[in-house]
Amino acid sequence: MKTKKELSPKIYKTSSGKYQIHLWYKNKRYRFANGRVIEEELLPNLLEEPEREHMAQLLCSAFQIAIAKGWRPVDKKKEAAEKKKRLSSIADVVLERKLKFDYSHYYRRDLIRTHEQWNKYLKKQGLSNSLITDLTIDVIAEFVYEYAPSPASMKNLKRNISSLLRDELETHGIFLNYKRIKLPRTTQPT
Protein backbone atom coordinates (compact mmCIF):
# COMPACT_ATOMS: atom_id res chain seq x y z
CA MET A 1 0.00 0.00 0.00
CA LYS A 2 1.35 3.38 -0.98
CA THR A 3 1.62 5.87 1.86
CA LYS A 4 0.92 9.54 1.29
CA LYS A 5 3.28 12.20 2.49
CA GLU A 6 1.31 14.45 4.81
CA LEU A 7 1.21 18.22 4.37
CA SER A 8 2.91 18.09 1.01
CA PRO A 9 0.72 20.05 -1.45
CA LYS A 10 0.66 18.85 -5.05
CA ILE A 11 -0.90 20.40 -8.16
CA TYR A 12 -3.59 18.30 -9.81
CA LYS A 13 -5.26 19.06 -13.14
CA THR A 14 -8.78 17.71 -13.59
CA SER A 15 -10.08 16.29 -16.86
CA SER A 16 -11.96 19.55 -17.43
CA GLY A 17 -8.69 21.53 -17.26
CA LYS A 18 -9.23 22.98 -13.77
CA TYR A 19 -6.41 23.05 -11.26
CA GLN A 20 -6.61 21.90 -7.66
CA ILE A 21 -4.16 21.61 -4.82
CA HIS A 22 -4.24 18.19 -3.14
CA LEU A 23 -2.71 17.45 0.22
CA TRP A 24 -3.02 14.78 2.87
CA TYR A 25 -3.40 15.46 6.57
CA LYS A 26 -4.24 12.91 9.26
CA ASN A 27 -4.96 10.26 6.61
CA LYS A 28 -7.52 12.46 4.90
CA ARG A 29 -7.22 14.08 1.48
CA TYR A 30 -8.01 17.78 1.12
CA ARG A 31 -8.60 19.50 -2.22
CA PHE A 32 -8.49 23.25 -2.73
CA ALA A 33 -9.23 25.18 -5.93
CA ASN A 34 -8.28 28.58 -4.53
CA GLY A 35 -6.36 30.16 -1.66
CA ARG A 36 -9.23 31.46 0.49
CA VAL A 37 -8.63 28.99 3.32
CA ILE A 38 -5.11 30.36 3.73
CA GLU A 39 -6.35 33.94 3.25
CA GLU A 40 -4.77 34.38 -0.18
CA GLU A 41 -6.74 35.64 -3.17
CA LEU A 42 -5.32 33.19 -5.67
CA LEU A 43 -7.94 31.94 -8.13
CA PRO A 44 -6.16 30.06 -10.93
CA ASN A 45 -9.31 28.63 -12.52
CA LEU A 46 -10.60 32.08 -13.42
CA LEU A 47 -7.68 32.60 -15.79
CA GLU A 48 -6.98 31.23 -19.26
CA GLU A 49 -4.11 28.86 -20.07
CA PRO A 50 -1.03 29.31 -19.70
CA GLU A 51 -1.64 31.87 -16.89
CA ARG A 52 -3.85 29.31 -15.16
CA GLU A 53 -0.98 26.84 -14.74
CA HIS A 54 1.37 29.56 -13.51
CA MET A 55 -1.21 30.76 -10.94
CA ALA A 56 -1.71 27.12 -9.80
CA GLN A 57 2.02 26.88 -9.15
CA LEU A 58 1.85 30.11 -7.13
CA LEU A 59 -1.11 28.68 -5.20
CA CYS A 60 0.85 25.52 -4.42
CA SER A 61 3.75 27.65 -3.15
CA ALA A 62 1.35 29.70 -1.02
CA PHE A 63 0.08 26.49 0.58
CA GLN A 64 3.65 25.37 1.27
CA ILE A 65 4.40 28.69 2.98
CA ALA A 66 1.16 28.58 5.00
CA ILE A 67 1.96 25.03 6.16
CA ALA A 68 5.47 26.11 7.15
CA LYS A 69 3.90 28.90 9.23
CA GLY A 70 1.67 26.41 11.05
CA TRP A 71 -1.56 26.36 9.05
CA ARG A 72 -3.42 23.05 9.01
CA PRO A 73 -6.55 22.05 7.08
CA VAL A 74 -9.74 21.81 9.13
CA ASP A 75 -12.20 18.95 8.90
CA LYS A 76 -15.46 20.84 8.24
CA LYS A 77 -17.66 18.02 9.53
CA LYS A 78 -15.75 17.87 12.81
CA GLU A 79 -15.78 21.66 13.08
CA ALA A 80 -19.56 21.77 12.55
CA ALA A 81 -20.07 19.03 15.15
CA GLU A 82 -17.89 20.90 17.65
CA LYS A 83 -19.73 24.15 16.97
CA LYS A 84 -23.02 22.43 17.77
CA LYS A 85 -21.60 21.49 21.15
CA ARG A 86 -20.81 25.09 22.14
CA LEU A 87 -22.99 26.83 24.71
CA SER A 88 -23.55 29.81 22.46
CA SER A 89 -24.97 27.72 19.63
CA ILE A 90 -27.41 25.54 21.60
CA ALA A 91 -29.96 28.32 22.15
CA ASP A 92 -29.49 29.51 18.55
CA VAL A 93 -30.49 26.11 17.15
CA VAL A 94 -33.55 25.78 19.38
CA LEU A 95 -34.72 29.37 18.83
CA GLU A 96 -34.51 28.95 15.08
CA ARG A 97 -36.54 25.74 15.32
CA LYS A 98 -39.17 27.20 17.67
CA LEU A 99 -39.70 30.34 15.59
CA LYS A 100 -40.82 28.13 12.70
CA PHE A 101 -43.80 26.91 14.74
CA ASP A 102 -47.06 28.78 15.15
CA TYR A 103 -46.56 29.89 18.76
CA SER A 104 -48.16 33.05 20.08
CA HIS A 105 -46.56 36.40 19.30
CA TYR A 106 -45.83 36.99 23.02
CA TYR A 107 -44.15 33.62 23.56
CA ARG A 108 -41.99 34.11 20.45
CA ARG A 109 -41.08 37.63 21.64
CA ASP A 110 -40.14 36.30 25.09
CA LEU A 111 -37.96 33.56 23.57
CA ILE A 112 -36.13 36.07 21.38
CA ARG A 113 -35.54 38.37 24.36
CA THR A 114 -34.36 35.49 26.56
CA HIS A 115 -32.04 34.32 23.77
CA GLU A 116 -30.49 37.80 23.50
CA GLN A 117 -30.05 38.01 27.28
CA TRP A 118 -28.53 34.50 27.40
CA ASN A 119 -25.97 35.36 24.71
CA LYS A 120 -25.12 38.62 26.51
CA TYR A 121 -24.70 36.70 29.79
CA LEU A 122 -22.45 34.08 28.16
CA LYS A 123 -20.21 36.78 26.66
CA LYS A 124 -20.06 38.67 29.95
CA GLN A 125 -19.08 35.51 31.83
CA GLY A 126 -16.64 34.39 29.11
CA LEU A 127 -18.60 31.20 28.48
CA SER A 128 -19.53 31.67 24.80
CA ASN A 129 -17.01 29.14 23.51
CA SER A 130 -17.38 26.72 26.41
CA LEU A 131 -18.62 23.24 25.66
CA ILE A 132 -22.11 22.22 26.69
CA THR A 133 -20.58 19.70 29.08
CA ASP A 134 -19.33 22.68 31.13
CA LEU A 135 -22.88 23.93 31.73
CA THR A 136 -24.23 23.43 35.24
CA ILE A 137 -27.55 24.29 36.78
CA ASP A 138 -25.72 26.92 38.86
CA VAL A 139 -24.77 28.84 35.68
CA ILE A 140 -28.42 28.89 34.60
CA ALA A 141 -29.52 29.92 38.11
CA GLU A 142 -27.05 32.83 38.12
CA PHE A 143 -28.43 33.91 34.74
CA VAL A 144 -32.01 33.86 36.03
CA TYR A 145 -31.14 35.76 39.21
CA GLU A 146 -29.09 38.37 37.33
CA TYR A 147 -31.42 39.10 34.41
CA ALA A 148 -34.86 38.94 36.00
CA PRO A 149 -35.88 42.21 37.68
CA SER A 150 -38.60 40.69 39.90
CA PRO A 151 -39.63 37.33 41.35
CA ALA A 152 -42.54 37.09 38.89
CA SER A 153 -40.26 37.64 35.91
CA MET A 154 -37.78 35.09 37.32
CA LYS A 155 -40.43 32.42 36.82
CA ASN A 156 -40.92 33.44 33.18
CA LEU A 157 -37.19 33.70 32.51
CA LYS A 158 -36.59 30.28 34.06
CA ARG A 159 -39.34 28.79 31.89
CA ASN A 160 -37.98 30.44 28.72
CA ILE A 161 -34.34 29.50 29.26
CA SER A 162 -35.42 25.95 30.06
CA SER A 163 -37.39 25.94 26.81
CA LEU A 164 -34.34 27.15 24.88
CA LEU A 165 -31.83 24.73 26.40
CA ARG A 166 -33.48 21.57 27.73
CA ASP A 167 -34.31 19.64 24.55
CA GLU A 168 -30.99 20.25 22.84
CA LEU A 169 -28.99 19.47 25.99
CA GLU A 170 -30.89 16.25 26.55
CA THR A 171 -30.26 15.29 22.92
CA HIS A 172 -26.55 15.47 23.75
CA GLY A 173 -27.02 13.44 26.95
CA ILE A 174 -26.93 16.33 29.43
CA PHE A 175 -29.77 16.31 31.94
CA LEU A 176 -30.13 19.26 34.32
CA ASN A 177 -32.65 19.49 37.14
CA TYR A 178 -34.27 22.90 36.65
CA LYS A 179 -36.23 22.41 39.89
CA ARG A 180 -32.96 23.12 41.72
CA ILE A 181 -33.27 26.77 40.70
CA LYS A 182 -35.09 28.11 43.74
CA LEU A 183 -37.10 31.25 43.13
CA PRO A 184 -38.45 33.64 45.76
CA ARG A 185 -42.16 33.27 46.41
CA THR A 186 -44.42 35.81 44.85
CA THR A 187 -47.30 37.12 46.92
CA GLN A 188 -50.75 37.05 45.43
CA PRO A 189 -52.71 40.33 45.69
CA THR A 190 -55.97 39.87 47.61
C-alpha atoms as a PDB file:
ATOM      1  CA  MET A   1       0.000   0.000   0.000  1.00  0.00           C
ATOM      2  CA  LYS A   2       1.351   3.383  -0.984  1.00  0.00           C
ATOM      3  CA  THR A   3       1.620   5.872   1.865  1.00  0.00           C
ATOM      4  CA  LYS A   4       0.921   9.538   1.286  1.00  0.00           C
ATOM      5  CA  LYS A   5       3.285  12.199   2.489  1.00  0.00           C
ATOM      6  CA  GLU A   6       1.310  14.452   4.812  1.00  0.00           C
ATOM      7  CA  LEU A   7       1.207  18.215   4.371  1.00  0.00           C
ATOM      8  CA  SER A   8       2.914  18.095   1.012  1.00  0.00           C
ATOM      9  CA  PRO A   9       0.723  20.046  -1.446  1.00  0.00           C
ATOM     10  CA  LYS A  10       0.656  18.846  -5.050  1.00  0.00           C
ATOM     11  CA  ILE A  11      -0.902  20.403  -8.156  1.00  0.00           C
ATOM     12  CA  TYR A  12      -3.591  18.304  -9.809  1.00  0.00           C
ATOM     13  CA  LYS A  13      -5.258  19.060 -13.143  1.00  0.00           C
ATOM     14  CA  THR A  14      -8.781  17.713 -13.594  1.00  0.00           C
ATOM     15  CA  SER A  15     -10.083  16.288 -16.860  1.00  0.00           C
ATOM     16  CA  SER A  16     -11.957  19.553 -17.427  1.00  0.00           C
ATOM     17  CA  GLY A  17      -8.693  21.525 -17.265  1.00  0.00           C
ATOM     18  CA  LYS A  18      -9.234  22.983 -13.774  1.00  0.00           C
ATOM     19  CA  TYR A  19      -6.409  23.047 -11.258  1.00  0.00           C
ATOM     20  CA  GLN A  20      -6.609  21.903  -7.656  1.00  0.00           C
ATOM     21  CA  ILE A  21      -4.161  21.605  -4.817  1.00  0.00           C
ATOM     22  CA  HIS A  22      -4.243  18.188  -3.139  1.00  0.00           C
ATOM     23  CA  LEU A  23      -2.709  17.453   0.221  1.00  0.00           C
ATOM     24  CA  TRP A  24      -3.021  14.778   2.868  1.00  0.00           C
ATOM     25  CA  TYR A  25      -3.402  15.463   6.567  1.00  0.00           C
ATOM     26  CA  LYS A  26      -4.241  12.905   9.261  1.00  0.00           C
ATOM     27  CA  ASN A  27      -4.958  10.265   6.606  1.00  0.00           C
ATOM     28  CA  LYS A  28      -7.525  12.457   4.898  1.00  0.00           C
ATOM     29  CA  ARG A  29      -7.224  14.079   1.475  1.00  0.00           C
ATOM     30  CA  TYR A  30      -8.014  17.776   1.121  1.00  0.00           C
ATOM     31  CA  ARG A  31      -8.600  19.503  -2.216  1.00  0.00           C
ATOM     32  CA  PHE A  32      -8.488  23.254  -2.733  1.00  0.00           C
ATOM     33  CA  ALA A  33      -9.231  25.182  -5.933  1.00  0.00           C
ATOM     34  CA  ASN A  34      -8.279  28.580  -4.532  1.00  0.00           C
ATOM     35  CA  GLY A  35      -6.363  30.164  -1.660  1.00  0.00           C
ATOM     36  CA  ARG A  36      -9.231  31.462   0.493  1.00  0.00           C
ATOM     37  CA  VAL A  37      -8.625  28.994   3.322  1.00  0.00           C
ATOM     38  CA  ILE A  38      -5.113  30.363   3.732  1.00  0.00           C
ATOM     39  CA  GLU A  39      -6.350  33.940   3.252  1.00  0.00           C
ATOM     40  CA  GLU A  40      -4.769  34.375  -0.180  1.00  0.00           C
ATOM     41  CA  GLU A  41      -6.741  35.643  -3.167  1.00  0.00           C
ATOM     42  CA  LEU A  42      -5.316  33.186  -5.668  1.00  0.00           C
ATOM     43  CA  LEU A  43      -7.936  31.941  -8.126  1.00  0.00           C
ATOM     44  CA  PRO A  44      -6.160  30.057 -10.926  1.00  0.00           C
ATOM     45  CA  ASN A  45      -9.307  28.633 -12.523  1.00  0.00           C
ATOM     46  CA  LEU A  46     -10.602  32.077 -13.422  1.00  0.00           C
ATOM     47  CA  LEU A  47      -7.676  32.596 -15.790  1.00  0.00           C
ATOM     48  CA  GLU A  48      -6.981  31.231 -19.263  1.00  0.00           C
ATOM     49  CA  GLU A  49      -4.114  28.864 -20.074  1.00  0.00           C
ATOM     50  CA  PRO A  50      -1.034  29.312 -19.704  1.00  0.00           C
ATOM     51  CA  GLU A  51      -1.636  31.868 -16.888  1.00  0.00           C
ATOM     52  CA  ARG A  52      -3.849  29.308 -15.157  1.00  0.00           C
ATOM     53  CA  GLU A  53      -0.979  26.841 -14.742  1.00  0.00           C
ATOM     54  CA  HIS A  54       1.369  29.562 -13.507  1.00  0.00           C
ATOM     55  CA  MET A  55      -1.215  30.760 -10.940  1.00  0.00           C
ATOM     56  CA  ALA A  56      -1.713  27.124  -9.803  1.00  0.00           C
ATOM     57  CA  GLN A  57       2.021  26.884  -9.148  1.00  0.00           C
ATOM     58  CA  LEU A  58       1.852  30.112  -7.128  1.00  0.00           C
ATOM     59  CA  LEU A  59      -1.111  28.680  -5.199  1.00  0.00           C
ATOM     60  CA  CYS A  60       0.853  25.515  -4.416  1.00  0.00           C
ATOM     61  CA  SER A  61       3.749  27.649  -3.155  1.00  0.00           C
ATOM     62  CA  ALA A  62       1.352  29.704  -1.019  1.00  0.00           C
ATOM     63  CA  PHE A  63       0.077  26.490   0.584  1.00  0.00           C
ATOM     64  CA  GLN A  64       3.652  25.373   1.271  1.00  0.00           C
ATOM     65  CA  ILE A  65       4.396  28.694   2.985  1.00  0.00           C
ATOM     66  CA  ALA A  66       1.162  28.579   5.003  1.00  0.00           C
ATOM     67  CA  ILE A  67       1.955  25.035   6.164  1.00  0.00           C
ATOM     68  CA  ALA A  68       5.470  26.113   7.147  1.00  0.00           C
ATOM     69  CA  LYS A  69       3.900  28.904   9.232  1.00  0.00           C
ATOM     70  CA  GLY A  70       1.673  26.408  11.055  1.00  0.00           C
ATOM     71  CA  TRP A  71      -1.562  26.360   9.046  1.00  0.00           C
ATOM     72  CA  ARG A  72      -3.423  23.049   9.013  1.00  0.00           C
ATOM     73  CA  PRO A  73      -6.550  22.054   7.077  1.00  0.00           C
ATOM     74  CA  VAL A  74      -9.736  21.812   9.133  1.00  0.00           C
ATOM     75  CA  ASP A  75     -12.199  18.955   8.903  1.00  0.00           C
ATOM     76  CA  LYS A  76     -15.460  20.842   8.245  1.00  0.00           C
ATOM     77  CA  LYS A  77     -17.657  18.016   9.527  1.00  0.00           C
ATOM     78  CA  LYS A  78     -15.748  17.872  12.810  1.00  0.00           C
ATOM     79  CA  GLU A  79     -15.783  21.656  13.085  1.00  0.00           C
ATOM     80  CA  ALA A  80     -19.559  21.773  12.547  1.00  0.00           C
ATOM     81  CA  ALA A  81     -20.072  19.030  15.152  1.00  0.00           C
ATOM     82  CA  GLU A  82     -17.886  20.900  17.649  1.00  0.00           C
ATOM     83  CA  LYS A  83     -19.725  24.150  16.971  1.00  0.00           C
ATOM     84  CA  LYS A  84     -23.022  22.435  17.766  1.00  0.00           C
ATOM     85  CA  LYS A  85     -21.596  21.492  21.147  1.00  0.00           C
ATOM     86  CA  ARG A  86     -20.808  25.094  22.137  1.00  0.00           C
ATOM     87  CA  LEU A  87     -22.994  26.834  24.714  1.00  0.00           C
ATOM     88  CA  SER A  88     -23.551  29.815  22.456  1.00  0.00           C
ATOM     89  CA  SER A  89     -24.974  27.718  19.625  1.00  0.00           C
ATOM     90  CA  ILE A  90     -27.409  25.542  21.603  1.00  0.00           C
ATOM     91  CA  ALA A  91     -29.961  28.319  22.147  1.00  0.00           C
ATOM     92  CA  ASP A  92     -29.489  29.506  18.547  1.00  0.00           C
ATOM     93  CA  VAL A  93     -30.490  26.113  17.151  1.00  0.00           C
ATOM     94  CA  VAL A  94     -33.546  25.785  19.381  1.00  0.00           C
ATOM     95  CA  LEU A  95     -34.718  29.368  18.834  1.00  0.00           C
ATOM     96  CA  GLU A  96     -34.505  28.951  15.077  1.00  0.00           C
ATOM     97  CA  ARG A  97     -36.537  25.743  15.319  1.00  0.00           C
ATOM     98  CA  LYS A  98     -39.173  27.201  17.672  1.00  0.00           C
ATOM     99  CA  LEU A  99     -39.702  30.336  15.594  1.00  0.00           C
ATOM    100  CA  LYS A 100     -40.822  28.134  12.697  1.00  0.00           C
ATOM    101  CA  PHE A 101     -43.803  26.913  14.738  1.00  0.00           C
ATOM    102  CA  ASP A 102     -47.055  28.779  15.149  1.00  0.00           C
ATOM    103  CA  TYR A 103     -46.556  29.886  18.755  1.00  0.00           C
ATOM    104  CA  SER A 104     -48.156  33.054  20.082  1.00  0.00           C
ATOM    105  CA  HIS A 105     -46.563  36.397  19.302  1.00  0.00           C
ATOM    106  CA  TYR A 106     -45.834  36.992  23.019  1.00  0.00           C
ATOM    107  CA  TYR A 107     -44.151  33.616  23.558  1.00  0.00           C
ATOM    108  CA  ARG A 108     -41.992  34.110  20.452  1.00  0.00           C
ATOM    109  CA  ARG A 109     -41.079  37.634  21.635  1.00  0.00           C
ATOM    110  CA  ASP A 110     -40.140  36.299  25.094  1.00  0.00           C
ATOM    111  CA  LEU A 111     -37.964  33.557  23.570  1.00  0.00           C
ATOM    112  CA  ILE A 112     -36.132  36.068  21.384  1.00  0.00           C
ATOM    113  CA  ARG A 113     -35.537  38.371  24.357  1.00  0.00           C
ATOM    114  CA  THR A 114     -34.359  35.490  26.562  1.00  0.00           C
ATOM    115  CA  HIS A 115     -32.043  34.324  23.766  1.00  0.00           C
ATOM    116  CA  GLU A 116     -30.488  37.804  23.501  1.00  0.00           C
ATOM    117  CA  GLN A 117     -30.047  38.007  27.276  1.00  0.00           C
ATOM    118  CA  TRP A 118     -28.526  34.501  27.398  1.00  0.00           C
ATOM    119  CA  ASN A 119     -25.965  35.364  24.713  1.00  0.00           C
ATOM    120  CA  LYS A 120     -25.122  38.618  26.507  1.00  0.00           C
ATOM    121  CA  TYR A 121     -24.697  36.703  29.785  1.00  0.00           C
ATOM    122  CA  LEU A 122     -22.450  34.078  28.155  1.00  0.00           C
ATOM    123  CA  LYS A 123     -20.213  36.782  26.655  1.00  0.00           C
ATOM    124  CA  LYS A 124     -20.065  38.670  29.949  1.00  0.00           C
ATOM    125  CA  GLN A 125     -19.083  35.507  31.832  1.00  0.00           C
ATOM    126  CA  GLY A 126     -16.638  34.386  29.114  1.00  0.00           C
ATOM    127  CA  LEU A 127     -18.596  31.196  28.480  1.00  0.00           C
ATOM    128  CA  SER A 128     -19.532  31.673  24.805  1.00  0.00           C
ATOM    129  CA  ASN A 129     -17.010  29.137  23.513  1.00  0.00           C
ATOM    130  CA  SER A 130     -17.384  26.717  26.406  1.00  0.00           C
ATOM    131  CA  LEU A 131     -18.617  23.236  25.657  1.00  0.00           C
ATOM    132  CA  ILE A 132     -22.113  22.223  26.692  1.00  0.00           C
ATOM    133  CA  THR A 133     -20.583  19.702  29.081  1.00  0.00           C
ATOM    134  CA  ASP A 134     -19.329  22.684  31.134  1.00  0.00           C
ATOM    135  CA  LEU A 135     -22.878  23.927  31.732  1.00  0.00           C
ATOM    136  CA  THR A 136     -24.234  23.431  35.238  1.00  0.00           C
ATOM    137  CA  ILE A 137     -27.550  24.291  36.783  1.00  0.00           C
ATOM    138  CA  ASP A 138     -25.718  26.921  38.857  1.00  0.00           C
ATOM    139  CA  VAL A 139     -24.772  28.837  35.683  1.00  0.00           C
ATOM    140  CA  ILE A 140     -28.421  28.890  34.601  1.00  0.00           C
ATOM    141  CA  ALA A 141     -29.524  29.915  38.110  1.00  0.00           C
ATOM    142  CA  GLU A 142     -27.051  32.834  38.120  1.00  0.00           C
ATOM    143  CA  PHE A 143     -28.428  33.912  34.743  1.00  0.00           C
ATOM    144  CA  VAL A 144     -32.013  33.855  36.027  1.00  0.00           C
ATOM    145  CA  TYR A 145     -31.139  35.760  39.210  1.00  0.00           C
ATOM    146  CA  GLU A 146     -29.093  38.367  37.335  1.00  0.00           C
ATOM    147  CA  TYR A 147     -31.416  39.103  34.406  1.00  0.00           C
ATOM    148  CA  ALA A 148     -34.862  38.937  36.004  1.00  0.00           C
ATOM    149  CA  PRO A 149     -35.879  42.210  37.684  1.00  0.00           C
ATOM    150  CA  SER A 150     -38.597  40.693  39.897  1.00  0.00           C
ATOM    151  CA  PRO A 151     -39.634  37.330  41.354  1.00  0.00           C
ATOM    152  CA  ALA A 152     -42.536  37.092  38.887  1.00  0.00           C
ATOM    153  CA  SER A 153     -40.260  37.642  35.912  1.00  0.00           C
ATOM    154  CA  MET A 154     -37.778  35.093  37.318  1.00  0.00           C
ATOM    155  CA  LYS A 155     -40.426  32.425  36.817  1.00  0.00           C
ATOM    156  CA  ASN A 156     -40.922  33.442  33.177  1.00  0.00           C
ATOM    157  CA  LEU A 157     -37.188  33.702  32.506  1.00  0.00           C
ATOM    158  CA  LYS A 158     -36.586  30.281  34.065  1.00  0.00           C
ATOM    159  CA  ARG A 159     -39.342  28.787  31.885  1.00  0.00           C
ATOM    160  CA  ASN A 160     -37.984  30.435  28.722  1.00  0.00           C
ATOM    161  CA  ILE A 161     -34.338  29.501  29.264  1.00  0.00           C
ATOM    162  CA  SER A 162     -35.423  25.953  30.057  1.00  0.00           C
ATOM    163  CA  SER A 163     -37.391  25.940  26.807  1.00  0.00           C
ATOM    164  CA  LEU A 164     -34.335  27.147  24.877  1.00  0.00           C
ATOM    165  CA  LEU A 165     -31.826  24.732  26.402  1.00  0.00           C
ATOM    166  CA  ARG A 166     -33.482  21.575  27.734  1.00  0.00           C
ATOM    167  CA  ASP A 167     -34.309  19.637  24.545  1.00  0.00           C
ATOM    168  CA  GLU A 168     -30.989  20.248  22.836  1.00  0.00           C
ATOM    169  CA  LEU A 169     -28.988  19.474  25.993  1.00  0.00           C
ATOM    170  CA  GLU A 170     -30.894  16.246  26.552  1.00  0.00           C
ATOM    171  CA  THR A 171     -30.263  15.290  22.920  1.00  0.00           C
ATOM    172  CA  HIS A 172     -26.549  15.472  23.750  1.00  0.00           C
ATOM    173  CA  GLY A 173     -27.019  13.439  26.946  1.00  0.00           C
ATOM    174  CA  ILE A 174     -26.928  16.332  29.430  1.00  0.00           C
ATOM    175  CA  PHE A 175     -29.771  16.315  31.943  1.00  0.00           C
ATOM    176  CA  LEU A 176     -30.126  19.257  34.319  1.00  0.00           C
ATOM    177  CA  ASN A 177     -32.651  19.489  37.137  1.00  0.00           C
ATOM    178  CA  TYR A 178     -34.272  22.904  36.648  1.00  0.00           C
ATOM    179  CA  LYS A 179     -36.230  22.415  39.888  1.00  0.00           C
ATOM    180  CA  ARG A 180     -32.962  23.115  41.718  1.00  0.00           C
ATOM    181  CA  ILE A 181     -33.266  26.768  40.704  1.00  0.00           C
ATOM    182  CA  LYS A 182     -35.088  28.106  43.744  1.00  0.00           C
ATOM    183  CA  LEU A 183     -37.098  31.247  43.125  1.00  0.00           C
ATOM    184  CA  PRO A 184     -38.452  33.639  45.765  1.00  0.00           C
ATOM    185  CA  ARG A 185     -42.162  33.267  46.414  1.00  0.00           C
ATOM    186  CA  THR A 186     -44.425  35.809  44.854  1.00  0.00           C
ATOM    187  CA  THR A 187     -47.297  37.119  46.923  1.00  0.00           C
ATOM    188  CA  GLN A 188     -50.747  37.046  45.429  1.00  0.00           C
ATOM    189  CA  PRO A 189     -52.709  40.326  45.694  1.00  0.00           C
ATOM    190  CA  THR A 190     -55.974  39.867  47.611  1.00  0.00           C
END
